Amino acid sequence: MINRRQAGFTVVELLVSLTVMLLVVAGLAQMMVQNSRINRSQQMTAAAQADARNCLELIQQKLRSAGWDPMNGGIGTVGLDPDTTDEISEIEIFSDLDEDGFTNSADEQILIRHVGEEVVWRRSNDVAEPFIVLATNITNDADGDGTPEAMFVPFPNPNPTGIRVTITARSPQPDPVTGEFIRYTLTSDVILRKAL
């Protein structure tokens, strides 16, 4: 005689338990992928913020020394972008740091340019000296319309005494969560030592 109380699982019970286990594993895998995307998105946001902050901080530091003229040699403060219609935004900063009455030494005449997605600078008036990359992934396109906004704007009008610096950093790739580029914009008003 066969004992109906034998221990074990039926085929149906085994298939149901395997199906439930597969659903749980699939849900966990999907949750891990989503968490990975969120983590990558947060990293990209932090990187864009750091790029914008670092770039702005370096430019602010140089602008604060603009117009330093201890010998009263008539040194100007800044030279504004000569052509605001092109895609290059630039400013030239003058300061007599070594107090010799001229701006010929290193860091006394700095030309800062925003070209494409880079901010570059040349730290002397020697045009043969190459530009150094200050920051990358700086688009200055805060609204994402493909047109960069001006990086250096004198204020107030008509007699400007300061420069408004606007930096917009963009993530190198689209956000894995939204599919859009991450943009981060910082603006700072720097009051100059003397009017422009």
Foldseek 3Di string as FASTA:
>chain_A
DDDPPDDDDDPVVVVVVVVVVVVVVVVVVVVVVVVVLVVVLVVLQVVQVVLQVQLVVVVLVLLQQFPAAPPPLPHHAKDADPDPPDQKGKMWGAHDPVNPSDQADFQGIKIWIDDAFWIWIDRGPPPVGDIDTRGGQWHCCQPPPNRHDHQWDFDDPDWGQKIKGKTKGWGPAARSVPRHIDIDMDIDIHGHPGID
